[in-house]
Amino acid sequence: MMLYPAINELNKLTDSRYTLVVLTAKRARDIIDGKPVLTDVEAERPVSLATNEIAEGLITYKRSDGHKEEGETFENFELDIKCDAALASDAAQVENAEEVQSEAEVEETVAEETDLDA
């Protein structure tokens, strides 16, 4: 069974596999908390979405300067989300929400007309 994205390819995008795990976990938590999904990949699980975003280069990380005295720890970085992709994703989600709302309004109108006819 082949997995995509391949773990070897993902490891090349970070300085260690531990950084990759924390980066993926932080992004998956953001997705669970309602932040927009940046990839077009159809996946149900937040971890799958996060790994695809990392593989596509949409999510990177940068080390915090405030933790230099602590040495190389694995939680001293912040997610670096590509803003253009996030804005495009936000716009797409708003558009989808408007479409769903307008579809619901049409269905409601049809239901009201059906009730009036009966």
PDB file of N, CA and C in Angstrom:
ATOM      1  N   MET A   1       0.847  -1.172   0.000  1.00  0.00           N
ATOM      2  CA  MET A   1       0.000   0.000   0.000  1.00  0.00           C
ATOM      3  C   MET A   1       0.894   1.237   0.000  1.00  0.00           C
ATOM      4  N   MET A   2       0.611   2.170  -0.906  1.00  0.00           N
ATOM      5  CA  MET A   2       1.370   3.410  -1.004  1.00  0.00           C
ATOM      6  C   MET A   2       0.633   4.508  -0.252  1.00  0.00           C
ATOM      7  N   LEU A   3       1.371   5.290   0.478  1.00  0.00           N
ATOM      8  CA  LEU A   3       0.796   6.409   1.205  1.00  0.00           C
ATOM      9  C   LEU A   3       1.259   7.705   0.580  1.00  0.00           C
ATOM     10  N   TYR A   4       0.349   8.654   0.471  1.00  0.00           N
ATOM     11  CA  TYR A   4       0.721   9.978   0.015  1.00  0.00           C
ATOM     12  C   TYR A   4       0.211  10.978   1.025  1.00  0.00           C
ATOM     13  N   PRO A   5       0.992  11.911   1.381  1.00  0.00           N
ATOM     14  CA  PRO A   5       2.384  12.124   0.988  1.00  0.00           C
ATOM     15  C   PRO A   5       3.313  11.150   1.708  1.00  0.00           C
ATOM     16  N   ALA A   6       4.375  10.771   1.015  1.00  0.00           N
ATOM     17  CA  ALA A   6       5.336   9.813   1.569  1.00  0.00           C
ATOM     18  C   ALA A   6       6.087  10.448   2.730  1.00  0.00           C
ATOM     19  N   ILE A   7       6.313   9.669   3.765  1.00  0.00           N
ATOM     20  CA  ILE A   7       6.990  10.183   4.960  1.00  0.00           C
ATOM     21  C   ILE A   7       8.398  10.660   4.635  1.00  0.00           C
ATOM     22  N   ASN A   8       9.060  10.017   3.695  1.00  0.00           N
ATOM     23  CA  ASN A   8      10.412  10.447   3.327  1.00  0.00           C
ATOM     24  C   ASN A   8      10.401  11.833   2.693  1.00  0.00           C
ATOM     25  N   GLU A   9       9.387  12.118   1.903  1.00  0.00           N
ATOM     26  CA  GLU A   9       9.266  13.441   1.287  1.00  0.00           C
ATOM     27  C   GLU A   9       8.932  14.493   2.343  1.00  0.00           C
ATOM     28  N   LEU A  10       8.072  14.147   3.290  1.00  0.00           N
ATOM     29  CA  LEU A  10       7.726  15.082   4.355  1.00  0.00           C
ATOM     30  C   LEU A  10       8.934  15.373   5.246  1.00  0.00           C
ATOM     31  N   ASN A  11       9.749  14.346   5.517  1.00  0.00           N
ATOM     32  CA  ASN A  11      10.934  14.548   6.356  1.00  0.00           C
ATOM     33  C   ASN A  11      11.918  15.530   5.736  1.00  0.00           C
ATOM     34  N   LYS A  12      11.940  15.618   4.419  1.00  0.00           N
ATOM     35  CA  LYS A  12      12.843  16.558   3.743  1.00  0.00           C
ATOM     36  C   LYS A  12      12.426  18.014   3.956  1.00  0.00           C
ATOM     37  N   LEU A  13      11.181  18.237   4.350  1.00  0.00           N
ATOM     38  CA  LEU A  13      10.660  19.586   4.520  1.00  0.00           C
ATOM     39  C   LEU A  13      10.897  20.153   5.916  1.00  0.00           C
ATOM     40  N   THR A  14      11.369  19.314   6.842  1.00  0.00           N
ATOM     41  CA  THR A  14      11.625  19.761   8.211  1.00  0.00           C
ATOM     42  C   THR A  14      13.022  19.329   8.624  1.00  0.00           C
ATOM     43  N   ASP A  15      13.470  19.840   9.772  1.00  0.00           N
ATOM     44  CA  ASP A  15      14.814  19.491  10.224  1.00  0.00           C
ATOM     45  C   ASP A  15      14.874  18.166  10.981  1.00  0.00           C
ATOM     46  N   SER A  16      13.715  17.640  11.390  1.00  0.00           N
ATOM     47  CA  SER A  16      13.675  16.331  12.047  1.00  0.00           C
ATOM     48  C   SER A  16      12.257  15.776  11.989  1.00  0.00           C
ATOM     49  N   ARG A  17      12.140  14.507  12.241  1.00  0.00           N
ATOM     50  CA  ARG A  17      10.804  13.905  12.216  1.00  0.00           C
ATOM     51  C   ARG A  17       9.966  14.372  13.399  1.00  0.00           C
ATOM     52  N   TYR A  18      10.627  14.754  14.482  1.00  0.00           N
ATOM     53  CA  TYR A  18       9.890  15.257  15.641  1.00  0.00           C
ATOM     54  C   TYR A  18       9.266  16.617  15.332  1.00  0.00           C
ATOM     55  N   THR A  19      10.005  17.439  14.612  1.00  0.00           N
ATOM     56  CA  THR A  19       9.460  18.721  14.178  1.00  0.00           C
ATOM     57  C   THR A  19       8.266  18.485  13.260  1.00  0.00           C
ATOM     58  N   LEU A  20       8.378  17.512  12.382  1.00  0.00           N
ATOM     59  CA  LEU A  20       7.282  17.175  11.479  1.00  0.00           C
ATOM     60  C   LEU A  20       6.038  16.758  12.255  1.00  0.00           C
ATOM     61  N   VAL A  21       6.219  15.952  13.287  1.00  0.00           N
ATOM     62  CA  VAL A  21       5.081  15.487  14.090  1.00  0.00           C
ATOM     63  C   VAL A  21       4.409  16.660  14.787  1.00  0.00           C
ATOM     64  N   VAL A  22       5.192  17.544  15.390  1.00  0.00           N
ATOM     65  CA  VAL A  22       4.614  18.677  16.114  1.00  0.00           C
ATOM     66  C   VAL A  22       3.958  19.649  15.134  1.00  0.00           C
ATOM     67  N   LEU A  23       4.604  19.883  13.992  1.00  0.00           N
ATOM     68  CA  LEU A  23       4.045  20.759  12.963  1.00  0.00           C
ATOM     69  C   LEU A  23       2.699  20.220  12.476  1.00  0.00           C
ATOM     70  N   THR A  24       2.646  18.935  12.200  1.00  0.00           N
ATOM     71  CA  THR A  24       1.406  18.306  11.754  1.00  0.00           C
ATOM     72  C   THR A  24       0.333  18.378  12.834  1.00  0.00           C
ATOM     73  N   ALA A  25       0.711  18.121  14.057  1.00  0.00           N
ATOM     74  CA  ALA A  25      -0.258  18.150  15.157  1.00  0.00           C
ATOM     75  C   ALA A  25      -0.810  19.560  15.373  1.00  0.00           C
ATOM     76  N   LYS A  26       0.066  20.565  15.314  1.00  0.00           N
ATOM     77  CA  LYS A  26      -0.400  21.941  15.500  1.00  0.00           C
ATOM     78  C   LYS A  26      -1.362  22.349  14.392  1.00  0.00           C
ATOM     79  N   ARG A  27      -1.032  21.993  13.152  1.00  0.00           N
ATOM     80  CA  ARG A  27      -1.904  22.356  12.034  1.00  0.00           C
ATOM     81  C   ARG A  27      -3.223  21.589  12.102  1.00  0.00           C
ATOM     82  N   ALA A  28      -3.174  20.312  12.465  1.00  0.00           N
ATOM     83  CA  ALA A  28      -4.401  19.528  12.593  1.00  0.00           C
ATOM     84  C   ALA A  28      -5.299  20.134  13.667  1.00  0.00           C
ATOM     85  N   ARG A  29      -4.708  20.611  14.755  1.00  0.00           N
ATOM     86  CA  ARG A  29      -5.491  21.252  15.815  1.00  0.00           C
ATOM     87  C   ARG A  29      -6.138  22.532  15.290  1.00  0.00           C
ATOM     88  N   ASP A  30      -5.402  23.300  14.474  1.00  0.00           N
ATOM     89  CA  ASP A  30      -5.980  24.507  13.861  1.00  0.00           C
ATOM     90  C   ASP A  30      -7.193  24.157  13.001  1.00  0.00           C
ATOM     91  N   ILE A  31      -7.074  23.089  12.234  1.00  0.00           N
ATOM     92  CA  ILE A  31      -8.174  22.659  11.361  1.00  0.00           C
ATOM     93  C   ILE A  31      -9.381  22.241  12.204  1.00  0.00           C
ATOM     94  N   ILE A  32      -9.128  21.506  13.278  1.00  0.00           N
ATOM     95  CA  ILE A  32     -10.205  21.093  14.172  1.00  0.00           C
ATOM     96  C   ILE A  32     -10.884  22.315  14.785  1.00  0.00           C
ATOM     97  N   ASP A  33     -10.086  23.341  15.080  1.00  0.00           N
ATOM     98  CA  ASP A  33     -10.620  24.561  15.694  1.00  0.00           C
ATOM     99  C   ASP A  33     -11.333  25.470  14.701  1.00  0.00           C
ATOM    100  N   GLY A  34     -11.399  25.059  13.426  1.00  0.00           N
ATOM    101  CA  GLY A  34     -12.186  25.808  12.449  1.00  0.00           C
ATOM    102  C   GLY A  34     -11.400  26.689  11.500  1.00  0.00           C
ATOM    103  N   LYS A  35     -10.078  26.638  11.543  1.00  0.00           N
ATOM    104  CA  LYS A  35      -9.292  27.418  10.590  1.00  0.00           C
ATOM    105  C   LYS A  35      -9.501  26.833   9.193  1.00  0.00           C
ATOM    106  N   PRO A  36      -9.378  27.660   8.155  1.00  0.00           N
ATOM    107  CA  PRO A  36      -9.664  27.162   6.799  1.00  0.00           C
ATOM    108  C   PRO A  36      -8.650  26.123   6.325  1.00  0.00           C
ATOM    109  N   VAL A  37      -9.142  25.180   5.569  1.00  0.00           N
ATOM    110  CA  VAL A  37      -8.302  24.152   4.956  1.00  0.00           C
ATOM    111  C   VAL A  37      -7.721  24.743   3.683  1.00  0.00           C
ATOM    112  N   LEU A  38      -6.421  24.605   3.483  1.00  0.00           N
ATOM    113  CA  LEU A  38      -5.739  25.256   2.370  1.00  0.00           C
ATOM    114  C   LEU A  38      -5.577  24.365   1.142  1.00  0.00           C
ATOM    115  N   THR A  39      -5.798  23.094   1.280  1.00  0.00           N
ATOM    116  CA  THR A  39      -5.584  22.160   0.180  1.00  0.00           C
ATOM    117  C   THR A  39      -6.921  21.732  -0.424  1.00  0.00           C
ATOM    118  N   ASP A  40      -6.867  21.285  -1.668  1.00  0.00           N
ATOM    119  CA  ASP A  40      -8.066  20.806  -2.348  1.00  0.00           C
ATOM    120  C   ASP A  40      -8.240  19.301  -2.207  1.00  0.00           C
ATOM    121  N   VAL A  41      -7.344  18.647  -1.486  1.00  0.00           N
ATOM    122  CA  VAL A  41      -7.390  17.201  -1.309  1.00  0.00           C
ATOM    123  C   VAL A  41      -8.621  16.833  -0.490  1.00  0.00           C
ATOM    124  N   GLU A  42      -9.317  15.820  -0.936  1.00  0.00           N
ATOM    125  CA  GLU A  42     -10.495  15.323  -0.219  1.00  0.00           C
ATOM    126  C   GLU A  42     -10.020  14.340   0.847  1.00  0.00           C
ATOM    127  N   ALA A  43     -10.082  14.751   2.097  1.00  0.00           N
ATOM    128  CA  ALA A  43      -9.719  13.880   3.211  1.00  0.00           C
ATOM    129  C   ALA A  43     -10.621  14.223   4.381  1.00  0.00           C
ATOM    130  N   GLU A  44     -10.949  13.228   5.167  1.00  0.00           N
ATOM    131  CA  GLU A  44     -11.832  13.438   6.301  1.00  0.00           C
ATOM    132  C   GLU A  44     -11.065  13.824   7.556  1.00  0.00           C
ATOM    133  N   ARG A  45      -9.891  13.293   7.718  1.00  0.00           N
ATOM    134  CA  ARG A  45      -9.157  13.461   8.963  1.00  0.00           C
ATOM    135  C   ARG A  45      -8.272  14.699   8.925  1.00  0.00           C
ATOM    136  N   PRO A  46      -8.274  15.461  10.012  1.00  0.00           N
ATOM    137  CA  PRO A  46      -7.451  16.681  10.070  1.00  0.00           C
ATOM    138  C   PRO A  46      -5.957  16.410   9.893  1.00  0.00           C
ATOM    139  N   VAL A  47      -5.468  15.281  10.392  1.00  0.00           N
ATOM    140  CA  VAL A  47      -4.050  14.963  10.250  1.00  0.00           C
ATOM    141  C   VAL A  47      -3.715  14.738   8.774  1.00  0.00           C
ATOM    142  N   SER A  48      -4.596  14.083   8.047  1.00  0.00           N
ATOM    143  CA  SER A  48      -4.380  13.870   6.613  1.00  0.00           C
ATOM    144  C   SER A  48      -4.359  15.196   5.863  1.00  0.00           C
ATOM    145  N   LEU A  49      -5.276  16.082   6.212  1.00  0.00           N
ATOM    146  CA  LEU A  49      -5.298  17.404   5.587  1.00  0.00           C
ATOM    147  C   LEU A  49      -4.013  18.167   5.898  1.00  0.00           C
ATOM    148  N   ALA A  50      -3.578  18.109   7.156  1.00  0.00           N
ATOM    149  CA  ALA A  50      -2.364  18.817   7.569  1.00  0.00           C
ATOM    150  C   ALA A  50      -1.133  18.293   6.832  1.00  0.00           C
ATOM    151  N   THR A  51      -1.001  16.976   6.702  1.00  0.00           N
ATOM    152  CA  THR A  51       0.169  16.434   6.008  1.00  0.00           C
ATOM    153  C   THR A  51       0.147  16.809   4.528  1.00  0.00           C
ATOM    154  N   ASN A  52      -1.017  16.855   3.924  1.00  0.00           N
ATOM    155  CA  ASN A  52      -1.097  17.275   2.530  1.00  0.00           C
ATOM    156  C   ASN A  52      -0.726  18.750   2.374  1.00  0.00           C
ATOM    157  N   GLU A  53      -1.149  19.584   3.297  1.00  0.00           N
ATOM    158  CA  GLU A  53      -0.784  20.997   3.249  1.00  0.00           C
ATOM    159  C   GLU A  53       0.721  21.174   3.396  1.00  0.00           C
ATOM    160  N   ILE A  54       1.334  20.398   4.274  1.00  0.00           N
ATOM    161  CA  ILE A  54       2.786  20.468   4.459  1.00  0.00           C
ATOM    162  C   ILE A  54       3.495  19.997   3.198  1.00  0.00           C
ATOM    163  N   ALA A  55       3.032  18.900   2.604  1.00  0.00           N
ATOM    164  CA  ALA A  55       3.645  18.365   1.387  1.00  0.00           C
ATOM    165  C   ALA A  55       3.545  19.344   0.226  1.00  0.00           C
ATOM    166  N   GLU A  56       2.440  20.097   0.162  1.00  0.00           N
ATOM    167  CA  GLU A  56       2.244  21.060  -0.922  1.00  0.00           C
ATOM    168  C   GLU A  56       2.971  22.375  -0.668  1.00  0.00           C
ATOM    169  N   GLY A  57       3.617  22.502   0.495  1.00  0.00           N
ATOM    170  CA  GLY A  57       4.352  23.722   0.801  1.00  0.00           C
ATOM    171  C   GLY A  57       3.472  24.860   1.291  1.00  0.00           C
ATOM    172  N   LEU A  58       2.241  24.555   1.648  1.00  0.00           N
ATOM    173  CA  LEU A  58       1.321  25.582   2.134  1.00  0.00           C
ATOM    174  C   LEU A  58       1.542  25.898   3.607  1.00  0.00           C
ATOM    175  N   ILE A  59       2.109  24.954   4.335  1.00  0.00           N
ATOM    176  CA  ILE A  59       2.411  25.131   5.753  1.00  0.00           C
ATOM    177  C   ILE A  59       3.888  24.867   5.956  1.00  0.00           C
ATOM    178  N   THR A  60       4.560  25.827   6.561  1.00  0.00           N
ATOM    179  CA  THR A  60       5.960  25.660   6.945  1.00  0.00           C
ATOM    180  C   THR A  60       6.075  26.083   8.405  1.00  0.00           C
ATOM    181  N   TYR A  61       7.276  26.237   8.876  1.00  0.00           N
ATOM    182  CA  TYR A  61       7.464  26.669  10.252  1.00  0.00           C
ATOM    183  C   TYR A  61       8.656  27.599  10.327  1.00  0.00           C
ATOM    184  N   LYS A  62       8.689  28.362  11.411  1.00  0.00           N
ATOM    185  CA  LYS A  62       9.860  29.190  11.681  1.00  0.00           C
ATOM    186  C   LYS A  62      10.139  29.112  13.173  1.00  0.00           C
ATOM    187  N   ARG A  63      11.404  28.995  13.503  1.00  0.00           N
ATOM    188  CA  ARG A  63      11.804  28.895  14.903  1.00  0.00           C
ATOM    189  C   ARG A  63      11.638  30.234  15.602  1.00  0.00           C
ATOM    190  N   SER A  64      11.189  30.202  16.834  1.00  0.00           N
ATOM    191  CA  SER A  64      11.025  31.419  17.628  1.00  0.00           C
ATOM    192  C   SER A  64      12.377  31.877  18.153  1.00  0.00           C
ATOM    193  N   ASP A  65      12.596  33.191  18.161  1.00  0.00           N
ATOM    194  CA  ASP A  65      13.849  33.728  18.676  1.00  0.00           C
ATOM    195  C   ASP A  65      13.887  33.722  20.200  1.00  0.00           C
ATOM    196  N   GLY A  66      12.749  33.736  20.835  1.00  0.00           N
ATOM    197  CA  GLY A  66      12.678  33.815  22.283  1.00  0.00           C
ATOM    198  C   GLY A  66      13.175  32.588  23.020  1.00  0.00           C
ATOM    199  N   HIS A  67      13.379  31.472  22.320  1.00  0.00           N
ATOM    200  CA  HIS A  67      13.766  30.223  22.970  1.00  0.00           C
ATOM    201  C   HIS A  67      15.195  29.803  22.656  1.00  0.00           C
ATOM    202  N   LYS A  68      16.017  30.706  22.152  1.00  0.00           N
ATOM    203  CA  LYS A  68      17.370  30.315  21.762  1.00  0.00           C
ATOM    204  C   LYS A  68      18.183  29.816  22.952  1.00  0.00           C
ATOM    205  N   GLU A  69      17.962  30.400  24.145  1.00  0.00           N
ATOM    206  CA  GLU A  69      18.731  29.985  25.314  1.00  0.00           C
ATOM    207  C   GLU A  69      18.380  28.571  25.752  1.00  0.00           C
ATOM    208  N   GLU A  70      17.224  28.071  25.349  1.00  0.00           N
ATOM    209  CA  GLU A  70      16.808  26.720  25.716  1.00  0.00           C
ATOM    210  C   GLU A  70      17.393  25.659  24.787  1.00  0.00           C
ATOM    211  N   GLY A  71      18.005  26.064  23.705  1.00  0.00           N
ATOM    212  CA  GLY A  71      18.556  25.106  22.768  1.00  0.00           C
ATOM    213  C   GLY A  71      17.511  24.673  21.759  1.00  0.00           C
ATOM    214  N   GLU A  72      17.814  23.629  21.042  1.00  0.00           N
ATOM    215  CA  GLU A  72      16.910  23.121  20.012  1.00  0.00           C
ATOM    216  C   GLU A  72      15.808  22.292  20.645  1.00  0.00           C
ATOM    217  N   THR A  73      14.705  22.929  20.971  1.00  0.00           N
ATOM    218  CA  THR A  73      13.539  22.184  21.416  1.00  0.00           C
ATOM    219  C   THR A  73      12.582  22.099  20.244  1.00  0.00           C
ATOM    220  N   PHE A  74      11.647  21.198  20.321  1.00  0.00           N
ATOM    221  CA  PHE A  74      10.806  20.943  19.170  1.00  0.00           C
ATOM    222  C   PHE A  74       9.509  21.731  19.182  1.00  0.00           C
ATOM    223  N   GLU A  75       9.240  22.445  20.243  1.00  0.00           N
ATOM    224  CA  GLU A  75       8.007  23.211  20.293  1.00  0.00           C
ATOM    225  C   GLU A  75       8.269  24.705  20.207  1.00  0.00           C
ATOM    226  N   ASN A  76       9.484  25.101  19.902  1.00  0.00           N
ATOM    227  CA  ASN A  76       9.789  26.523  19.861  1.00  0.00           C
ATOM    228  C   ASN A  76       9.690  27.092  18.450  1.00  0.00           C
ATOM    229  N   PHE A  77       8.641  26.708  17.749  1.00  0.00           N
ATOM    230  CA  PHE A  77       8.421  27.259  16.422  1.00  0.00           C
ATOM    231  C   PHE A  77       6.952  27.586  16.241  1.00  0.00           C
ATOM    232  N   GLU A  78       6.693  28.424  15.262  1.00  0.00           N
ATOM    233  CA  GLU A  78       5.326  28.812  14.948  1.00  0.00           C
ATOM    234  C   GLU A  78       5.007  28.342  13.539  1.00  0.00           C
ATOM    235  N   LEU A  79       3.731  28.081  13.292  1.00  0.00           N
ATOM    236  CA  LEU A  79       3.303  27.731  11.946  1.00  0.00           C
ATOM    237  C   LEU A  79       3.449  28.947  11.055  1.00  0.00           C
ATOM    238  N   ASP A  80       3.888  28.741   9.855  1.00  0.00           N
ATOM    239  CA  ASP A  80       3.994  29.810   8.870  1.00  0.00           C
ATOM    240  C   ASP A  80       3.049  29.446   7.735  1.00  0.00           C
ATOM    241  N   ILE A  81       1.851  30.021   7.784  1.00  0.00           N
ATOM    242  CA  ILE A  81       0.819  29.696   6.805  1.00  0.00           C
ATOM    243  C   ILE A  81       0.935  30.674   5.646  1.00  0.00           C
ATOM    244  N   LYS A  82       0.926  30.155   4.448  1.00  0.00           N
ATOM    245  CA  LYS A  82       1.014  31.004   3.261  1.00  0.00           C
ATOM    246  C   LYS A  82      -0.266  31.814   3.146  1.00  0.00           C
ATOM    247  N   CYS A  83      -0.161  33.121   3.307  1.00  0.00           N
ATOM    248  CA  CYS A  83      -1.329  34.004   3.412  1.00  0.00           C
ATOM    249  C   CYS A  83      -2.210  33.989   2.164  1.00  0.00           C
ATOM    250  N   ASP A  84      -1.622  34.000   0.979  1.00  0.00           N
ATOM    251  CA  ASP A  84      -2.424  34.028  -0.242  1.00  0.00           C
ATOM    252  C   ASP A  84      -3.354  32.824  -0.316  1.00  0.00           C
ATOM    253  N   ALA A  85      -2.821  31.667   0.020  1.00  0.00           N
ATOM    254  CA  ALA A  85      -3.630  30.459  -0.021  1.00  0.00           C
ATOM    255  C   ALA A  85      -4.727  30.511   1.045  1.00  0.00           C
ATOM    256  N   ALA A  86      -4.411  31.042   2.218  1.00  0.00           N
ATOM    257  CA  ALA A  86      -5.407  31.129   3.284  1.00  0.00           C
ATOM    258  C   ALA A  86      -6.520  32.093   2.900  1.00  0.00           C
ATOM    259  N   LEU A  87      -6.167  33.227   2.292  1.00  0.00           N
ATOM    260  CA  LEU A  87      -7.176  34.188   1.865  1.00  0.00           C
ATOM    261  C   LEU A  87      -8.071  33.598   0.790  1.00  0.00           C
ATOM    262  N   ALA A  88      -7.464  32.893  -0.164  1.00  0.00           N
ATOM    263  CA  ALA A  88      -8.246  32.262  -1.228  1.00  0.00           C
ATOM    264  C   ALA A  88      -9.177  31.203  -0.633  1.00  0.00           C
ATOM    265  N   SER A  89      -8.670  30.458   0.338  1.00  0.00           N
ATOM    266  CA  SER A  89      -9.480  29.434   0.976  1.00  0.00           C
ATOM    267  C   SER A  89     -10.618  30.063   1.775  1.00  0.00           C
ATOM    268  N   ASP A  90     -10.327  31.161   2.487  1.00  0.00           N
ATOM    269  CA  ASP A  90     -11.379  31.864   3.221  1.00  0.00           C
ATOM    270  C   ASP A  90     -12.473  32.337   2.273  1.00  0.00           C
ATOM    271  N   ALA A  91     -12.068  32.921   1.147  1.00  0.00           N
ATOM    272  CA  ALA A  91     -13.040  33.415   0.166  1.00  0.00           C
ATOM    273  C   ALA A  91     -13.882  32.263  -0.386  1.00  0.00           C
ATOM    274  N   ALA A  92     -13.245  31.138  -0.660  1.00  0.00           N
ATOM    275  CA  ALA A  92     -13.970  29.976  -1.181  1.00  0.00           C
ATOM    276  C   ALA A  92     -14.961  29.453  -0.147  1.00  0.00           C
ATOM    277  N   GLN A  93     -14.560  29.433   1.124  1.00  0.00           N
ATOM    278  CA  GLN A  93     -15.469  28.949   2.158  1.00  0.00           C
ATOM    279  C   GLN A  93     -16.657  29.879   2.332  1.00  0.00           C
ATOM    280  N   VAL A  94     -16.422  31.193   2.240  1.00  0.00           N
ATOM    281  CA  VAL A  94     -17.519  32.155   2.337  1.00  0.00           C
ATOM    282  C   VAL A  94     -18.469  31.968   1.162  1.00  0.00           C
ATOM    283  N   GLU A  95     -17.902  31.780  -0.042  1.00  0.00           N
ATOM    284  CA  GLU A  95     -18.725  31.571  -1.240  1.00  0.00           C
ATOM    285  C   GLU A  95     -19.551  30.299  -1.097  1.00  0.00           C
ATOM    286  N   ASN A  96     -18.926  29.223  -0.606  1.00  0.00           N
ATOM    287  CA  ASN A  96     -19.656  27.966  -0.405  1.00  0.00           C
ATOM    288  C   ASN A  96     -20.768  28.139   0.619  1.00  0.00           C
ATOM    289  N   ALA A  97     -20.494  28.872   1.691  1.00  0.00           N
ATOM    290  CA  ALA A  97     -21.511  29.104   2.718  1.00  0.00           C
ATOM    291  C   ALA A  97     -22.677  29.895   2.145  1.00  0.00           C
ATOM    292  N   GLU A  98     -22.382  30.886   1.282  1.00  0.00           N
ATOM    293  CA  GLU A  98     -23.446  31.667   0.652  1.00  0.00           C
ATOM    294  C   GLU A  98     -24.277  30.800  -0.283  1.00  0.00           C
ATOM    295  N   GLU A  99     -23.612  29.890  -1.021  1.00  0.00           N
ATOM    296  CA  GLU A  99     -24.338  28.993  -1.915  1.00  0.00           C
ATOM    297  C   GLU A  99     -25.253  28.067  -1.127  1.00  0.00           C
ATOM    298  N   VAL A 100     -24.748  27.536  -0.031  1.00  0.00           N
ATOM    299  CA  VAL A 100     -25.550  26.640   0.807  1.00  0.00           C
ATOM    300  C   VAL A 100     -26.732  27.403   1.378  1.00  0.00           C
ATOM    301  N   GLN A 101     -26.497  28.655   1.805  1.00  0.00           N
ATOM    302  CA  GLN A 101     -27.579  29.457   2.364  1.00  0.00           C
ATOM    303  C   GLN A 101     -28.633  29.758   1.304  1.00  0.00           C
ATOM    304  N   SER A 102     -28.188  30.111   0.087  1.00  0.00           N
ATOM    305  CA  SER A 102     -29.166  30.408  -0.961  1.00  0.00           C
ATOM    306  C   SER A 102     -29.933  29.152  -1.365  1.00  0.00           C
ATOM    307  N   GLU A 103     -29.284  27.991  -1.379  1.00  0.00           N
ATOM    308  CA  GLU A 103     -29.976  26.737  -1.673  1.00  0.00           C
ATOM    309  C   GLU A 103     -31.021  26.450  -0.606  1.00  0.00           C
ATOM    310  N   ALA A 104     -30.687  26.723   0.648  1.00  0.00           N
ATOM    311  CA  ALA A 104     -31.636  26.505   1.739  1.00  0.00           C
ATOM    312  C   ALA A 104     -32.831  27.444   1.603  1.00  0.00           C
ATOM    313  N   GLU A 105     -32.580  28.692   1.181  1.00  0.00           N
ATOM    314  CA  GLU A 105     -33.671  29.641   0.992  1.00  0.00           C
ATOM    315  C   GLU A 105     -34.593  29.189  -0.135  1.00  0.00           C
ATOM    316  N   VAL A 106     -34.019  28.662  -1.226  1.00  0.00           N
ATOM    317  CA  VAL A 106     -34.822  28.165  -2.340  1.00  0.00           C
ATOM    318  C   VAL A 106     -35.671  26.986  -1.877  1.00  0.00           C
ATOM    319  N   GLU A 107     -35.069  26.065  -1.134  1.00  0.00           N
ATOM    320  CA  GLU A 107     -35.815  24.910  -0.640  1.00  0.00           C
ATOM    321  C   GLU A 107     -36.937  25.354   0.292  1.00  0.00           C
ATOM    322  N   GLU A 108     -36.664  26.364   1.118  1.00  0.00           N
ATOM    323  CA  GLU A 108     -37.680  26.875   2.039  1.00  0.00           C
ATOM    324  C   GLU A 108     -38.842  27.501   1.265  1.00  0.00           C
ATOM    325  N   THR A 109     -38.514  28.246   0.205  1.00  0.00           N
ATOM    326  CA  THR A 109     -39.546  28.874  -0.612  1.00  0.00           C
ATOM    327  C   THR A 109     -40.392  27.813  -1.307  1.00  0.00           C
ATOM    328  N   VAL A 110     -39.758  26.790  -1.837  1.00  0.00           N
ATOM    329  CA  VAL A 110     -40.480  25.704  -2.499  1.00  0.00           C
ATOM    330  C   VAL A 110     -41.389  25.001  -1.490  1.00  0.00           C
ATOM    331  N   ALA A 111     -40.894  24.786  -0.288  1.00  0.00           N
ATOM    332  CA  ALA A 111     -41.706  24.128   0.740  1.00  0.00           C
ATOM    333  C   ALA A 111     -42.906  24.987   1.105  1.00  0.00           C
ATOM    334  N   GLU A 112     -42.721  26.297   1.213  1.00  0.00           N
ATOM    335  CA  GLU A 112     -43.832  27.198   1.523  1.00  0.00           C
ATOM    336  C   GLU A 112     -44.876  27.186   0.408  1.00  0.00           C
ATOM    337  N   GLU A 113     -44.408  27.206  -0.866  1.00  0.00           N
ATOM    338  CA  GLU A 113     -45.338  27.181  -1.991  1.00  0.00           C
ATOM    339  C   GLU A 113     -46.117  25.868  -2.019  1.00  0.00           C
ATOM    340  N   THR A 114     -45.444  24.773  -1.686  1.00  0.00           N
ATOM    341  CA  THR A 114     -46.091  23.474  -1.653  1.00  0.00           C
ATOM    342  C   THR A 114     -47.164  23.448  -0.569  1.00  0.00           C
ATOM    343  N   ASP A 115     -46.855  24.045   0.595  1.00  0.00           N
ATOM    344  CA  ASP A 115     -47.839  24.119   1.671  1.00  0.00           C
ATOM    345  C   ASP A 115     -49.041  24.953   1.278  1.00  0.00           C
ATOM    346  N   LEU A 116     -48.788  26.048   0.543  1.00  0.00           N
ATOM    347  CA  LEU A 116     -49.893  26.925   0.102  1.00  0.00           C
ATOM    348  C   LEU A 116     -50.791  26.220  -0.912  1.00  0.00           C
ATOM    349  N   ASP A 117     -50.176  25.398  -1.787  1.00  0.00           N
ATOM    350  CA  ASP A 117     -50.942  24.679  -2.799  1.00  0.00           C
ATOM    351  C   ASP A 117     -51.809  23.586  -2.188  1.00  0.00           C
ATOM    352  N   ALA A 118     -51.374  23.075  -1.061  1.00  0.00           N
ATOM    353  CA  ALA A 118     -52.083  21.930  -0.452  1.00  0.00           C
ATOM    354  C   ALA A 118     -53.311  22.320   0.297  1.00  0.00           C
TER     355      ALA A 118
END
